[in-house]
PDB file of all heavy atoms in Angstrom:
ATOM      1  N   VAL A   1     -83.138  82.616 -29.621  1.00  0.00           N
ATOM      2  CA  VAL A   1     -82.667  81.727 -28.571  1.00  0.00           C
ATOM      3  C   VAL A   1     -83.822  81.355 -27.599  1.00  0.00           C
ATOM      4  O   VAL A   1     -83.672  80.409 -26.812  1.00  0.00           O
ATOM      5  CB  VAL A   1     -81.557  82.416 -27.751  1.00  0.00           C
ATOM      6  CG1 VAL A   1     -80.346  82.661 -28.634  1.00  0.00           C
ATOM      7  CG2 VAL A   1     -81.995  83.705 -27.078  1.00  0.00           C
ATOM      8  N   GLN A   2     -84.962  82.054 -27.632  1.00  0.00           N
ATOM      9  CA  GLN A   2     -86.063  81.735 -26.732  1.00  0.00           C
ATOM     10  C   GLN A   2     -86.836  80.523 -27.245  1.00  0.00           C
ATOM     11  O   GLN A   2     -86.781  80.161 -28.382  1.00  0.00           O
ATOM     12  CB  GLN A   2     -87.006  82.942 -26.589  1.00  0.00           C
ATOM     13  CG  GLN A   2     -87.834  83.239 -27.817  1.00  0.00           C
ATOM     14  CD  GLN A   2     -88.809  84.404 -27.614  1.00  0.00           C
ATOM     15  OE1 GLN A   2     -88.915  84.946 -26.542  1.00  0.00           O
ATOM     16  NE2 GLN A   2     -89.569  84.715 -28.649  1.00  0.00           N
ATOM     17  N   GLY A   3     -87.513  79.866 -26.267  1.00  0.00           N
ATOM     18  CA  GLY A   3     -88.370  78.742 -26.619  1.00  0.00           C
ATOM     19  C   GLY A   3     -87.634  77.407 -26.805  1.00  0.00           C
ATOM     20  O   GLY A   3     -88.189  76.463 -27.350  1.00  0.00           O
ATOM     21  N   GLN A   4     -86.401  77.303 -26.293  1.00  0.00           N
ATOM     22  CA  GLN A   4     -85.656  76.049 -26.430  1.00  0.00           C
ATOM     23  C   GLN A   4     -86.099  75.097 -25.303  1.00  0.00           C
ATOM     24  O   GLN A   4     -85.844  75.337 -24.112  1.00  0.00           O
ATOM     25  CB  GLN A   4     -84.130  76.292 -26.325  1.00  0.00           C
ATOM     26  CG  GLN A   4     -83.631  77.198 -27.455  1.00  0.00           C
ATOM     27  CD  GLN A   4     -82.133  77.379 -27.387  1.00  0.00           C
ATOM     28  OE1 GLN A   4     -81.362  76.434 -27.580  1.00  0.00           O
ATOM     29  NE2 GLN A   4     -81.678  78.613 -27.083  1.00  0.00           N
ATOM     30  N   VAL A   5     -86.773  74.013 -25.710  1.00  0.00           N
ATOM     31  CA  VAL A   5     -87.374  73.097 -24.734  1.00  0.00           C
ATOM     32  C   VAL A   5     -86.320  72.479 -23.807  1.00  0.00           C
ATOM     33  O   VAL A   5     -86.569  72.312 -22.621  1.00  0.00           O
ATOM     34  CB  VAL A   5     -88.140  71.964 -25.513  1.00  0.00           C
ATOM     35  CG1 VAL A   5     -88.715  70.954 -24.503  1.00  0.00           C
ATOM     36  CG2 VAL A   5     -89.223  72.589 -26.341  1.00  0.00           C
ATOM     37  N   GLY A   6     -85.137  72.202 -24.326  1.00  0.00           N
ATOM     38  CA  GLY A   6     -84.126  71.535 -23.500  1.00  0.00           C
ATOM     39  C   GLY A   6     -83.263  72.458 -22.671  1.00  0.00           C
ATOM     40  O   GLY A   6     -82.357  71.986 -21.978  1.00  0.00           O
ATOM     41  N   ASP A   7     -83.505  73.744 -22.679  1.00  0.00           N
ATOM     42  CA  ASP A   7     -82.714  74.708 -21.929  1.00  0.00           C
ATOM     43  C   ASP A   7     -83.640  75.554 -21.082  1.00  0.00           C
ATOM     44  O   ASP A   7     -84.399  76.401 -21.607  1.00  0.00           O
ATOM     45  CB  ASP A   7     -81.882  75.600 -22.852  1.00  0.00           C
ATOM     46  CG  ASP A   7     -80.827  76.427 -22.141  1.00  0.00           C
ATOM     47  OD1 ASP A   7     -81.029  76.692 -20.953  1.00  0.00           O
ATOM     48  OD2 ASP A   7     -79.834  76.793 -22.794  1.00  0.00           O
ATOM     49  N   SER A   8     -83.629  75.350 -19.749  1.00  0.00           N
ATOM     50  CA  SER A   8     -84.560  76.030 -18.870  1.00  0.00           C
ATOM     51  C   SER A   8     -84.357  77.543 -18.885  1.00  0.00           C
ATOM     52  O   SER A   8     -85.287  78.304 -18.674  1.00  0.00           O
ATOM     53  CB  SER A   8     -84.402  75.513 -17.430  1.00  0.00           C
ATOM     54  OG  SER A   8     -83.058  75.715 -16.969  1.00  0.00           O
ATOM     55  N   LYS A   9     -83.148  77.976 -19.140  1.00  0.00           N
ATOM     56  CA  LYS A   9     -82.844  79.419 -19.145  1.00  0.00           C
ATOM     57  C   LYS A   9     -83.526  80.137 -20.244  1.00  0.00           C
ATOM     58  O   LYS A   9     -83.916  81.315 -20.145  1.00  0.00           O
ATOM     59  CB  LYS A   9     -81.309  79.619 -19.244  1.00  0.00           C
ATOM     60  CG  LYS A   9     -80.890  81.040 -18.969  1.00  0.00           C
ATOM     61  CD  LYS A   9     -79.394  81.166 -18.880  1.00  0.00           C
ATOM     62  CE  LYS A   9     -78.942  82.569 -18.529  1.00  0.00           C
ATOM     63  NZ  LYS A   9     -77.477  82.674 -18.374  1.00  0.00           N
ATOM     64  N   TYR A  10     -83.718  79.457 -21.403  1.00  0.00           N
ATOM     65  CA  TYR A  10     -84.318  80.103 -22.559  1.00  0.00           C
ATOM     66  C   TYR A  10     -85.642  79.454 -22.989  1.00  0.00           C
ATOM     67  O   TYR A  10     -86.075  79.628 -24.085  1.00  0.00           O
ATOM     68  CB  TYR A  10     -83.322  80.043 -23.753  1.00  0.00           C
ATOM     69  CG  TYR A  10     -82.034  80.815 -23.511  1.00  0.00           C
ATOM     70  CD1 TYR A  10     -80.871  80.094 -23.183  1.00  0.00           C
ATOM     71  CD2 TYR A  10     -81.998  82.199 -23.532  1.00  0.00           C
ATOM     72  CE1 TYR A  10     -79.705  80.790 -22.908  1.00  0.00           C
ATOM     73  CE2 TYR A  10     -80.828  82.872 -23.273  1.00  0.00           C
ATOM     74  CZ  TYR A  10     -79.682  82.160 -22.948  1.00  0.00           C
ATOM     75  OH  TYR A  10     -78.530  82.851 -22.709  1.00  0.00           O
ATOM     76  N   ARG A  11     -86.232  78.681 -22.041  1.00  0.00           N
ATOM     77  CA  ARG A  11     -87.498  77.972 -22.366  1.00  0.00           C
ATOM     78  C   ARG A  11     -88.664  78.961 -22.483  1.00  0.00           C
ATOM     79  O   ARG A  11     -89.545  78.789 -23.314  1.00  0.00           O
ATOM     80  CB  ARG A  11     -87.789  76.958 -21.282  1.00  0.00           C
ATOM     81  CG  ARG A  11     -88.975  76.081 -21.606  1.00  0.00           C
ATOM     82  CD  ARG A  11     -89.098  75.012 -20.527  1.00  0.00           C
ATOM     83  NE  ARG A  11     -87.920  74.135 -20.500  1.00  0.00           N
ATOM     84  CZ  ARG A  11     -87.572  73.379 -19.466  1.00  0.00           C
ATOM     85  NH1 ARG A  11     -88.275  73.414 -18.348  1.00  0.00           N
ATOM     86  NH2 ARG A  11     -86.503  72.631 -19.555  1.00  0.00           N
ATOM     87  N   GLU A  12     -88.682  79.995 -21.672  1.00  0.00           N
ATOM     88  CA  GLU A  12     -89.765  80.958 -21.647  1.00  0.00           C
ATOM     89  C   GLU A  12     -89.831  81.805 -22.915  1.00  0.00           C
ATOM     90  O   GLU A  12     -88.815  82.241 -23.425  1.00  0.00           O
ATOM     91  CB  GLU A  12     -89.614  81.896 -20.438  1.00  0.00           C
ATOM     92  CG  GLU A  12     -90.741  82.954 -20.341  1.00  0.00           C
ATOM     93  CD  GLU A  12     -90.443  83.986 -19.257  1.00  0.00           C
ATOM     94  OE1 GLU A  12     -89.405  83.865 -18.574  1.00  0.00           O
ATOM     95  OE2 GLU A  12     -91.246  84.914 -19.137  1.00  0.00           O
ATOM     96  N   ILE A  13     -91.045  81.995 -23.440  1.00  0.00           N
ATOM     97  CA  ILE A  13     -91.244  82.889 -24.583  1.00  0.00           C
ATOM     98  C   ILE A  13     -91.485  84.289 -24.045  1.00  0.00           C
ATOM     99  O   ILE A  13     -92.582  84.648 -23.578  1.00  0.00           O
ATOM    100  CB  ILE A  13     -92.454  82.424 -25.426  1.00  0.00           C
ATOM    101  CG1 ILE A  13     -92.281  81.000 -25.906  1.00  0.00           C
ATOM    102  CG2 ILE A  13     -92.651  83.370 -26.623  1.00  0.00           C
ATOM    103  CD1 ILE A  13     -91.155  80.781 -26.864  1.00  0.00           C
ATOM    104  N   ARG A  14     -90.451  85.079 -24.012  1.00  0.00           N
ATOM    105  CA  ARG A  14     -90.510  86.429 -23.454  1.00  0.00           C
ATOM    106  C   ARG A  14     -90.948  87.493 -24.435  1.00  0.00           C
ATOM    107  O   ARG A  14     -91.482  88.520 -24.079  1.00  0.00           O
ATOM    108  CB  ARG A  14     -89.122  86.802 -22.897  1.00  0.00           C
ATOM    109  CG  ARG A  14     -88.723  86.030 -21.642  1.00  0.00           C
ATOM    110  CD  ARG A  14     -87.313  86.346 -21.233  1.00  0.00           C
ATOM    111  NE  ARG A  14     -87.061  87.781 -21.082  1.00  0.00           N
ATOM    112  CZ  ARG A  14     -87.367  88.494 -20.037  1.00  0.00           C
ATOM    113  NH1 ARG A  14     -87.935  87.933 -18.965  1.00  0.00           N
ATOM    114  NH2 ARG A  14     -87.096  89.788 -20.013  1.00  0.00           N
ATOM    115  N   TYR A  15     -90.708  87.244 -25.734  1.00  0.00           N
ATOM    116  CA  TYR A  15     -90.972  88.301 -26.737  1.00  0.00           C
ATOM    117  C   TYR A  15     -91.888  87.815 -27.807  1.00  0.00           C
ATOM    118  O   TYR A  15     -91.762  86.672 -28.345  1.00  0.00           O
ATOM    119  CB  TYR A  15     -89.624  88.740 -27.341  1.00  0.00           C
ATOM    120  CG  TYR A  15     -88.519  89.016 -26.348  1.00  0.00           C
ATOM    121  CD1 TYR A  15     -87.417  88.187 -26.274  1.00  0.00           C
ATOM    122  CD2 TYR A  15     -88.614  90.117 -25.494  1.00  0.00           C
ATOM    123  CE1 TYR A  15     -86.413  88.422 -25.318  1.00  0.00           C
ATOM    124  CE2 TYR A  15     -87.623  90.400 -24.565  1.00  0.00           C
ATOM    125  CZ  TYR A  15     -86.541  89.538 -24.462  1.00  0.00           C
ATOM    126  OH  TYR A  15     -85.551  89.783 -23.558  1.00  0.00           O
ATOM    127  N   ARG A  16     -92.900  88.618 -28.123  1.00  0.00           N
ATOM    128  CA  ARG A  16     -93.894  88.228 -29.090  1.00  0.00           C
ATOM    129  C   ARG A  16     -93.518  88.613 -30.520  1.00  0.00           C
ATOM    130  O   ARG A  16     -94.142  88.158 -31.487  1.00  0.00           O
ATOM    131  CB  ARG A  16     -95.261  88.867 -28.761  1.00  0.00           C
ATOM    132  CG  ARG A  16     -95.853  88.393 -27.421  1.00  0.00           C
ATOM    133  CD  ARG A  16     -97.257  88.826 -27.280  1.00  0.00           C
ATOM    134  NE  ARG A  16     -97.388  90.280 -27.266  1.00  0.00           N
ATOM    135  CZ  ARG A  16     -97.352  91.049 -26.169  1.00  0.00           C
ATOM    136  NH1 ARG A  16     -97.148  90.485 -24.982  1.00  0.00           N
ATOM    137  NH2 ARG A  16     -97.461  92.352 -26.259  1.00  0.00           N
ATOM    138  N   GLY A  17     -92.574  89.452 -30.655  1.00  0.00           N
ATOM    139  CA  GLY A  17     -92.129  89.885 -31.967  1.00  0.00           C
ATOM    140  C   GLY A  17     -91.011  90.908 -31.851  1.00  0.00           C
ATOM    141  O   GLY A  17     -90.554  91.221 -30.735  1.00  0.00           O
ATOM    142  N   MET A  18     -90.557  91.425 -32.978  1.00  0.00           N
ATOM    143  CA  MET A  18     -89.430  92.323 -32.982  1.00  0.00           C
ATOM    144  C   MET A  18     -89.697  93.618 -32.181  1.00  0.00           C
ATOM    145  O   MET A  18     -88.879  93.970 -31.315  1.00  0.00           O
ATOM    146  CB  MET A  18     -89.039  92.685 -34.411  1.00  0.00           C
ATOM    147  CG  MET A  18     -87.778  93.565 -34.502  1.00  0.00           C
ATOM    148  SD  MET A  18     -87.571  94.308 -36.118  1.00  0.00           S
ATOM    149  CE  MET A  18     -88.989  95.478 -36.141  1.00  0.00           C
ATOM    150  N   LEU A  19     -90.754  94.269 -32.469  1.00  0.00           N
ATOM    151  CA  LEU A  19     -91.073  95.529 -31.786  1.00  0.00           C
ATOM    152  C   LEU A  19     -91.241  95.331 -30.309  1.00  0.00           C
ATOM    153  O   LEU A  19     -90.790  96.107 -29.464  1.00  0.00           O
ATOM    154  CB  LEU A  19     -92.315  96.204 -32.401  1.00  0.00           C
ATOM    155  CG  LEU A  19     -92.102  96.804 -33.782  1.00  0.00           C
ATOM    156  CD1 LEU A  19     -93.445  97.397 -34.296  1.00  0.00           C
ATOM    157  CD2 LEU A  19     -91.051  97.886 -33.770  1.00  0.00           C
ATOM    158  N   HIS A  20     -91.971  94.235 -29.935  1.00  0.00           N
ATOM    159  CA  HIS A  20     -92.180  93.920 -28.534  1.00  0.00           C
ATOM    160  C   HIS A  20     -90.865  93.649 -27.831  1.00  0.00           C
ATOM    161  O   HIS A  20     -90.607  94.071 -26.706  1.00  0.00           O
ATOM    162  CB  HIS A  20     -93.096  92.705 -28.395  1.00  0.00           C
ATOM    163  CG  HIS A  20     -93.376  92.298 -26.973  1.00  0.00           C
ATOM    164  ND1 HIS A  20     -92.838  91.183 -26.429  1.00  0.00           N
ATOM    165  CD2 HIS A  20     -94.100  92.906 -26.001  1.00  0.00           C
ATOM    166  CE1 HIS A  20     -93.226  91.069 -25.127  1.00  0.00           C
ATOM    167  NE2 HIS A  20     -94.011  92.121 -24.853  1.00  0.00           N
ATOM    168  N   ALA A  21     -89.945  92.923 -28.525  1.00  0.00           N
ATOM    169  CA  ALA A  21     -88.627  92.619 -27.953  1.00  0.00           C
ATOM    170  C   ALA A  21     -87.844  93.914 -27.732  1.00  0.00           C
ATOM    171  O   ALA A  21     -87.277  94.096 -26.663  1.00  0.00           O
ATOM    172  CB  ALA A  21     -87.866  91.690 -28.883  1.00  0.00           C
ATOM    173  N   ILE A  22     -87.820  94.789 -28.711  1.00  0.00           N
ATOM    174  CA  ILE A  22     -87.053  96.035 -28.599  1.00  0.00           C
ATOM    175  C   ILE A  22     -87.598  96.860 -27.438  1.00  0.00           C
ATOM    176  O   ILE A  22     -86.841  97.419 -26.635  1.00  0.00           O
ATOM    177  CB  ILE A  22     -87.069  96.818 -29.924  1.00  0.00           C
ATOM    178  CG1 ILE A  22     -86.225  96.080 -30.974  1.00  0.00           C
ATOM    179  CG2 ILE A  22     -86.497  98.217 -29.720  1.00  0.00           C
ATOM    180  CD1 ILE A  22     -86.268  96.713 -32.355  1.00  0.00           C
ATOM    181  N   MET A  23     -88.953  96.994 -27.370  1.00  0.00           N
ATOM    182  CA  MET A  23     -89.560  97.819 -26.316  1.00  0.00           C
ATOM    183  C   MET A  23     -89.343  97.218 -24.952  1.00  0.00           C
ATOM    184  O   MET A  23     -89.008  97.937 -23.984  1.00  0.00           O
ATOM    185  CB  MET A  23     -91.063  97.930 -26.619  1.00  0.00           C
ATOM    186  CG  MET A  23     -91.345  98.818 -27.852  1.00  0.00           C
ATOM    187  SD  MET A  23     -93.123  98.900 -28.195  1.00  0.00           S
ATOM    188  CE  MET A  23     -93.734  99.784 -26.780  1.00  0.00           C
ATOM    189  N   ARG A  24     -89.473  95.883 -24.820  1.00  0.00           N
ATOM    190  CA  ARG A  24     -89.329  95.244 -23.504  1.00  0.00           C
ATOM    191  C   ARG A  24     -87.836  95.297 -23.035  1.00  0.00           C
ATOM    192  O   ARG A  24     -87.575  95.543 -21.867  1.00  0.00           O
ATOM    193  CB  ARG A  24     -89.790  93.794 -23.583  1.00  0.00           C
ATOM    194  CG  ARG A  24     -89.758  93.093 -22.226  1.00  0.00           C
ATOM    195  CD  ARG A  24     -90.472  91.768 -22.213  1.00  0.00           C
ATOM    196  NE  ARG A  24     -90.435  91.188 -20.905  1.00  0.00           N
ATOM    197  CZ  ARG A  24     -91.041  90.031 -20.577  1.00  0.00           C
ATOM    198  NH1 ARG A  24     -91.793  89.397 -21.474  1.00  0.00           N
ATOM    199  NH2 ARG A  24     -90.957  89.547 -19.342  1.00  0.00           N
ATOM    200  N   ILE A  25     -86.920  95.073 -23.967  1.00  0.00           N
ATOM    201  CA  ILE A  25     -85.498  95.167 -23.601  1.00  0.00           C
ATOM    202  C   ILE A  25     -85.157  96.584 -23.147  1.00  0.00           C
ATOM    203  O   ILE A  25     -84.494  96.785 -22.125  1.00  0.00           O
ATOM    204  CB  ILE A  25     -84.628  94.758 -24.782  1.00  0.00           C
ATOM    205  CG1 ILE A  25     -84.787  93.257 -25.098  1.00  0.00           C
ATOM    206  CG2 ILE A  25     -83.132  95.043 -24.504  1.00  0.00           C
ATOM    207  CD1 ILE A  25     -84.226  92.811 -26.437  1.00  0.00           C
ATOM    208  N   GLY A  26     -85.626  97.570 -23.904  1.00  0.00           N
ATOM    209  CA  GLY A  26     -85.385  98.974 -23.545  1.00  0.00           C
ATOM    210  C   GLY A  26     -85.991  99.351 -22.202  1.00  0.00           C
ATOM    211  O   GLY A  26     -85.367 100.087 -21.419  1.00  0.00           O
ATOM    212  N   ARG A  27     -87.188  98.833 -21.934  1.00  0.00           N
ATOM    213  CA  ARG A  27     -87.905  99.169 -20.670  1.00  0.00           C
ATOM    214  C   ARG A  27     -87.289  98.450 -19.470  1.00  0.00           C
ATOM    215  O   ARG A  27     -87.122  99.044 -18.426  1.00  0.00           O
ATOM    216  CB  ARG A  27     -89.367  98.806 -20.808  1.00  0.00           C
ATOM    217  CG  ARG A  27     -90.239  99.185 -19.602  1.00  0.00           C
ATOM    218  CD  ARG A  27     -91.702  98.951 -19.878  1.00  0.00           C
ATOM    219  NE  ARG A  27     -91.985  97.537 -20.059  1.00  0.00           N
ATOM    220  CZ  ARG A  27     -92.361  96.981 -21.201  1.00  0.00           C
ATOM    221  NH1 ARG A  27     -92.450  97.764 -22.319  1.00  0.00           N
ATOM    222  NH2 ARG A  27     -92.592  95.677 -21.318  1.00  0.00           N
ATOM    223  N   GLU A  28     -86.969  97.152 -19.622  1.00  0.00           N
ATOM    224  CA  GLU A  28     -86.517  96.350 -18.457  1.00  0.00           C
ATOM    225  C   GLU A  28     -84.999  96.436 -18.274  1.00  0.00           C
ATOM    226  O   GLU A  28     -84.497  96.328 -17.142  1.00  0.00           O
ATOM    227  CB  GLU A  28     -86.931  94.887 -18.680  1.00  0.00           C
ATOM    228  CG  GLU A  28     -88.446  94.685 -18.656  1.00  0.00           C
ATOM    229  CD  GLU A  28     -88.817  93.247 -18.837  1.00  0.00           C
ATOM    230  OE1 GLU A  28     -87.916  92.402 -19.002  1.00  0.00           O
ATOM    231  OE2 GLU A  28     -90.030  92.936 -18.768  1.00  0.00           O
ATOM    232  N   GLU A  29     -84.249  96.608 -19.328  1.00  0.00           N
ATOM    233  CA  GLU A  29     -82.773  96.531 -19.203  1.00  0.00           C
ATOM    234  C   GLU A  29     -82.104  97.865 -19.546  1.00  0.00           C
ATOM    235  O   GLU A  29     -80.882  97.986 -19.349  1.00  0.00           O
ATOM    236  CB  GLU A  29     -82.239  95.436 -20.163  1.00  0.00           C
ATOM    237  CG  GLU A  29     -82.827  94.068 -19.898  1.00  0.00           C
ATOM    238  CD  GLU A  29     -82.340  93.058 -20.943  1.00  0.00           C
ATOM    239  OE1 GLU A  29     -81.259  93.213 -21.440  1.00  0.00           O
ATOM    240  OE2 GLU A  29     -83.158  92.117 -21.246  1.00  0.00           O
ATOM    241  N   GLY A  30     -82.895  98.808 -20.015  1.00  0.00           N
ATOM    242  CA  GLY A  30     -82.316 100.124 -20.363  1.00  0.00           C
ATOM    243  C   GLY A  30     -81.974 100.211 -21.845  1.00  0.00           C
ATOM    244  O   GLY A  30     -81.759  99.198 -22.514  1.00  0.00           O
ATOM    245  N   LEU A  31     -81.891 101.434 -22.326  1.00  0.00           N
ATOM    246  CA  LEU A  31     -81.606 101.661 -23.748  1.00  0.00           C
ATOM    247  C   LEU A  31     -80.226 101.151 -24.175  1.00  0.00           C
ATOM    248  O   LEU A  31     -80.010 100.733 -25.307  1.00  0.00           O
ATOM    249  CB  LEU A  31     -81.738 103.136 -24.100  1.00  0.00           C
ATOM    250  CG  LEU A  31     -83.181 103.741 -23.957  1.00  0.00           C
ATOM    251  CD1 LEU A  31     -83.157 105.193 -24.276  1.00  0.00           C
ATOM    252  CD2 LEU A  31     -84.120 103.000 -24.902  1.00  0.00           C
ATOM    253  N   ARG A  32     -79.275 101.210 -23.221  1.00  0.00           N
ATOM    254  CA  ARG A  32     -77.937 100.733 -23.543  1.00  0.00           C
ATOM    255  C   ARG A  32     -77.899  99.277 -23.877  1.00  0.00           C
ATOM    256  O   ARG A  32     -77.033  98.789 -24.621  1.00  0.00           O
ATOM    257  CB  ARG A  32     -76.972 101.036 -22.363  1.00  0.00           C
ATOM    258  CG  ARG A  32     -76.645 102.465 -22.163  1.00  0.00           C
ATOM    259  CD  ARG A  32     -75.611 102.665 -21.070  1.00  0.00           C
ATOM    260  NE  ARG A  32     -74.346 102.005 -21.387  1.00  0.00           N
ATOM    261  CZ  ARG A  32     -73.314 101.929 -20.558  1.00  0.00           C
ATOM    262  NH1 ARG A  32     -73.383 102.522 -19.357  1.00  0.00           N
ATOM    263  NH2 ARG A  32     -72.213 101.335 -20.912  1.00  0.00           N
ATOM    264  N   ALA A  33     -78.885  98.506 -23.301  1.00  0.00           N
ATOM    265  CA  ALA A  33     -78.935  97.082 -23.563  1.00  0.00           C
ATOM    266  C   ALA A  33     -79.239  96.772 -25.041  1.00  0.00           C
ATOM    267  O   ALA A  33     -78.904  95.667 -25.543  1.00  0.00           O
ATOM    268  CB  ALA A  33     -80.026  96.396 -22.700  1.00  0.00           C
ATOM    269  N   LEU A  34     -79.872  97.692 -25.722  1.00  0.00           N
ATOM    270  CA  LEU A  34     -80.168  97.507 -27.151  1.00  0.00           C
ATOM    271  C   LEU A  34     -78.885  97.507 -27.991  1.00  0.00           C
ATOM    272  O   LEU A  34     -78.919  97.125 -29.149  1.00  0.00           O
ATOM    273  CB  LEU A  34     -81.086  98.612 -27.667  1.00  0.00           C
ATOM    274  CG  LEU A  34     -82.514  98.603 -27.089  1.00  0.00           C
ATOM    275  CD1 LEU A  34     -83.263  99.879 -27.534  1.00  0.00           C
ATOM    276  CD2 LEU A  34     -83.263  97.383 -27.543  1.00  0.00           C
ATOM    277  N   TYR A  35     -77.785  97.918 -27.390  1.00  0.00           N
ATOM    278  CA  TYR A  35     -76.501  97.905 -28.073  1.00  0.00           C
ATOM    279  C   TYR A  35     -75.526  96.968 -27.313  1.00  0.00           C
ATOM    280  O   TYR A  35     -74.311  97.120 -27.447  1.00  0.00           O
ATOM    281  CB  TYR A  35     -75.904  99.299 -28.190  1.00  0.00           C
ATOM    282  CG  TYR A  35     -76.530 100.057 -29.367  1.00  0.00           C
ATOM    283  CD1 TYR A  35     -77.706 100.746 -29.242  1.00  0.00           C
ATOM    284  CD2 TYR A  35     -75.908  99.995 -30.626  1.00  0.00           C
ATOM    285  CE1 TYR A  35     -78.260 101.422 -30.328  1.00  0.00           C
ATOM    286  CE2 TYR A  35     -76.465 100.663 -31.707  1.00  0.00           C
ATOM    287  CZ  TYR A  35     -77.630 101.366 -31.578  1.00  0.00           C
ATOM    288  OH  TYR A  35     -78.191 101.993 -32.650  1.00  0.00           O
ATOM    289  N   SER A  36     -76.053  95.959 -26.611  1.00  0.00           N
ATOM    290  CA  SER A  36     -75.209  94.942 -26.007  1.00  0.00           C
ATOM    291  C   SER A  36     -74.526  94.147 -27.082  1.00  0.00           C
ATOM    292  O   SER A  36     -75.148  93.568 -27.964  1.00  0.00           O
ATOM    293  CB  SER A  36     -76.065  93.977 -25.132  1.00  0.00           C
ATOM    294  OG  SER A  36     -76.656  94.625 -24.049  1.00  0.00           O
ATOM    295  N   GLY A  37     -73.205  94.154 -27.045  1.00  0.00           N
ATOM    296  CA  GLY A  37     -72.437  93.430 -28.059  1.00  0.00           C
ATOM    297  C   GLY A  37     -72.044  94.266 -29.230  1.00  0.00           C
ATOM    298  O   GLY A  37     -71.550  93.718 -30.266  1.00  0.00           O
ATOM    299  N   ILE A  38     -72.235  95.592 -29.178  1.00  0.00           N
ATOM    300  CA  ILE A  38     -71.930  96.438 -30.331  1.00  0.00           C
ATOM    301  C   ILE A  38     -70.425  96.484 -30.606  1.00  0.00           C
ATOM    302  O   ILE A  38     -69.987  96.566 -31.755  1.00  0.00           O
ATOM    303  CB  ILE A  38     -72.463  97.903 -30.122  1.00  0.00           C
ATOM    304  CG1 ILE A  38     -72.248  98.746 -31.371  1.00  0.00           C
ATOM    305  CG2 ILE A  38     -71.849  98.550 -28.897  1.00  0.00           C
ATOM    306  CD1 ILE A  38     -72.987  98.286 -32.605  1.00  0.00           C
TER     307      ILE A  38
END
């Protein structure tokens, strides 16, 4: 969902890859966020 030019909410490239995404989500949003939508 990131990098969508027409949507300001998701325009920013926040994650460089899978591991970076998992680590950043866990660090910034907490480990429970890794199971958001479970």
